Amino acid sequence: MGSETFLEVILAILLPPMRVFLRYGCGFWIDLLLTLLGYIPGIIYAIYSLVG
């Protein structure tokens, strides 16, 4: 795992919507909604978008 991927994982855990916005842009609203409904679903979506 490279240092860039490691930083993306840390950003996905700390600020899930920001990580998705920096990578995709449009998925930001989905992740923001998931984060507002519960922090864990936002993290799961951000990590899933990192892998997928």
N, C-alpha and C. Protein backbone atom coordinates (compact mmCIF):
# COMPACT_ATOMS: atom_id res chain seq x y z
N MET A 1 0.86 -1.17 0.00
CA MET A 1 0.00 0.00 0.00
C MET A 1 0.90 1.23 0.00
N GLY A 2 0.70 2.10 -0.98
CA GLY A 2 1.51 3.29 -1.10
C GLY A 2 1.07 4.37 -0.12
N SER A 3 1.90 5.39 -0.01
CA SER A 3 1.60 6.46 0.94
C SER A 3 0.36 7.26 0.52
N GLU A 4 0.11 7.37 -0.79
CA GLU A 4 -1.08 8.09 -1.25
C GLU A 4 -2.35 7.35 -0.85
N THR A 5 -2.36 6.05 -0.98
CA THR A 5 -3.51 5.24 -0.59
C THR A 5 -3.71 5.30 0.92
N PHE A 6 -2.63 5.28 1.68
CA PHE A 6 -2.71 5.38 3.13
C PHE A 6 -3.34 6.70 3.54
N LEU A 7 -2.95 7.79 2.91
CA LEU A 7 -3.52 9.10 3.22
C LEU A 7 -4.99 9.17 2.83
N GLU A 8 -5.37 8.50 1.74
CA GLU A 8 -6.78 8.47 1.33
C GLU A 8 -7.62 7.71 2.35
N VAL A 9 -7.09 6.63 2.91
CA VAL A 9 -7.83 5.87 3.92
C VAL A 9 -7.99 6.71 5.19
N ILE A 10 -6.95 7.40 5.61
CA ILE A 10 -7.04 8.27 6.79
C ILE A 10 -8.06 9.38 6.55
N LEU A 11 -8.05 9.98 5.37
CA LEU A 11 -9.02 11.02 5.04
C LEU A 11 -10.43 10.46 4.98
N ALA A 12 -10.59 9.23 4.50
CA ALA A 12 -11.91 8.59 4.45
C ALA A 12 -12.46 8.36 5.85
N ILE A 13 -11.60 8.10 6.81
CA ILE A 13 -12.06 7.88 8.18
C ILE A 13 -12.36 9.20 8.87
N LEU A 14 -11.53 10.21 8.68
CA LEU A 14 -11.72 11.48 9.37
C LEU A 14 -12.80 12.36 8.73
N LEU A 15 -12.78 12.48 7.41
CA LEU A 15 -13.71 13.34 6.68
C LEU A 15 -14.25 12.60 5.46
N PRO A 16 -15.17 11.67 5.66
CA PRO A 16 -15.63 10.86 4.54
C PRO A 16 -16.17 11.65 3.35
N PRO A 17 -17.03 12.68 3.54
CA PRO A 17 -17.53 13.39 2.36
C PRO A 17 -16.44 14.11 1.57
N MET A 18 -15.45 14.64 2.27
CA MET A 18 -14.37 15.36 1.59
C MET A 18 -13.53 14.41 0.74
N ARG A 19 -13.31 13.21 1.23
CA ARG A 19 -12.52 12.23 0.48
C ARG A 19 -13.24 11.83 -0.80
N VAL A 20 -14.55 11.62 -0.72
CA VAL A 20 -15.32 11.25 -1.91
C VAL A 20 -15.37 12.43 -2.88
N PHE A 21 -15.50 13.65 -2.37
CA PHE A 21 -15.53 14.84 -3.23
C PHE A 21 -14.23 15.00 -3.99
N LEU A 22 -13.11 14.79 -3.32
CA LEU A 22 -11.82 14.94 -3.98
C LEU A 22 -11.60 13.88 -5.05
N ARG A 23 -12.20 12.72 -4.88
CA ARG A 23 -12.00 11.65 -5.85
C ARG A 23 -13.02 11.69 -6.99
N TYR A 24 -14.31 11.90 -6.67
CA TYR A 24 -15.37 11.77 -7.67
C TYR A 24 -16.19 13.03 -7.89
N GLY A 25 -16.36 13.85 -6.90
CA GLY A 25 -17.17 15.05 -7.05
C GLY A 25 -18.65 14.80 -6.81
N CYS A 26 -19.31 14.06 -7.67
CA CYS A 26 -20.76 13.90 -7.60
C CYS A 26 -21.20 12.99 -6.46
N GLY A 27 -20.40 12.06 -6.03
CA GLY A 27 -20.75 11.17 -4.93
C GLY A 27 -20.73 11.85 -3.58
N PHE A 28 -20.29 13.09 -3.58
CA PHE A 28 -20.19 13.87 -2.34
C PHE A 28 -21.53 13.96 -1.62
N TRP A 29 -22.59 14.21 -2.35
CA TRP A 29 -23.91 14.40 -1.73
C TRP A 29 -24.42 13.11 -1.10
N ILE A 30 -24.17 11.98 -1.74
CA ILE A 30 -24.57 10.69 -1.18
C ILE A 30 -23.83 10.45 0.13
N ASP A 31 -22.53 10.67 0.11
CA ASP A 31 -21.73 10.42 1.31
C ASP A 31 -22.05 11.43 2.40
N LEU A 32 -22.34 12.66 2.04
CA LEU A 32 -22.71 13.65 3.04
C LEU A 32 -24.01 13.24 3.73
N LEU A 33 -24.98 12.78 2.98
CA LEU A 33 -26.24 12.32 3.55
C LEU A 33 -26.00 11.11 4.47
N LEU A 34 -25.21 10.16 4.02
CA LEU A 34 -24.91 9.00 4.85
C LEU A 34 -24.18 9.39 6.12
N THR A 35 -23.28 10.35 6.03
CA THR A 35 -22.54 10.80 7.21
C THR A 35 -23.46 11.52 8.18
N LEU A 36 -24.40 12.29 7.67
CA LEU A 36 -25.35 12.98 8.56
C LEU A 36 -26.30 12.01 9.23
N LEU A 37 -26.66 10.93 8.54
CA LEU A 37 -27.55 9.93 9.12
C LEU A 37 -26.83 9.07 10.15
N GLY A 38 -25.57 8.91 9.99
CA GLY A 38 -24.74 8.13 10.91
C GLY A 38 -23.32 8.15 10.41
N TYR A 39 -22.39 8.41 11.26
CA TYR A 39 -21.01 8.59 10.83
C TYR A 39 -20.43 7.33 10.21
N ILE A 40 -20.77 6.16 10.76
CA ILE A 40 -20.23 4.89 10.27
C ILE A 40 -20.65 4.60 8.83
N PRO A 41 -21.93 4.79 8.43
CA PRO A 41 -22.27 4.55 7.02
C PRO A 41 -21.50 5.45 6.05
N GLY A 42 -21.21 6.67 6.47
CA GLY A 42 -20.41 7.56 5.63
C GLY A 42 -19.00 7.05 5.45
N ILE A 43 -18.42 6.51 6.51
CA ILE A 43 -17.07 5.95 6.43
C ILE A 43 -17.07 4.71 5.53
N ILE A 44 -18.08 3.86 5.71
CA ILE A 44 -18.16 2.65 4.89
C ILE A 44 -18.27 3.00 3.41
N TYR A 45 -19.10 3.98 3.07
CA TYR A 45 -19.24 4.39 1.67
C TYR A 45 -17.94 4.97 1.14
N ALA A 46 -17.25 5.77 1.94
CA ALA A 46 -15.99 6.36 1.49
C ALA A 46 -14.93 5.29 1.25
N ILE A 47 -14.83 4.32 2.15
CA ILE A 47 -13.87 3.23 1.96
C ILE A 47 -14.26 2.38 0.75
N TYR A 48 -15.56 2.13 0.60
CA TYR A 48 -16.05 1.35 -0.56
C TYR A 48 -15.72 2.07 -1.87
N SER A 49 -15.87 3.38 -1.90
CA SER A 49 -15.56 4.12 -3.13
C SER A 49 -14.05 4.14 -3.39
N LEU A 50 -13.25 4.01 -2.35
CA LEU A 50 -11.81 3.95 -2.50
C LEU A 50 -11.40 2.63 -3.15
N VAL A 51 -12.03 1.55 -2.73
CA VAL A 51 -11.68 0.22 -3.23
C VAL A 51 -12.29 -0.01 -4.62
N GLY A 52 -13.53 0.44 -4.80
CA GLY A 52 -14.24 0.17 -6.05
C GLY A 52 -13.97 1.15 -7.07
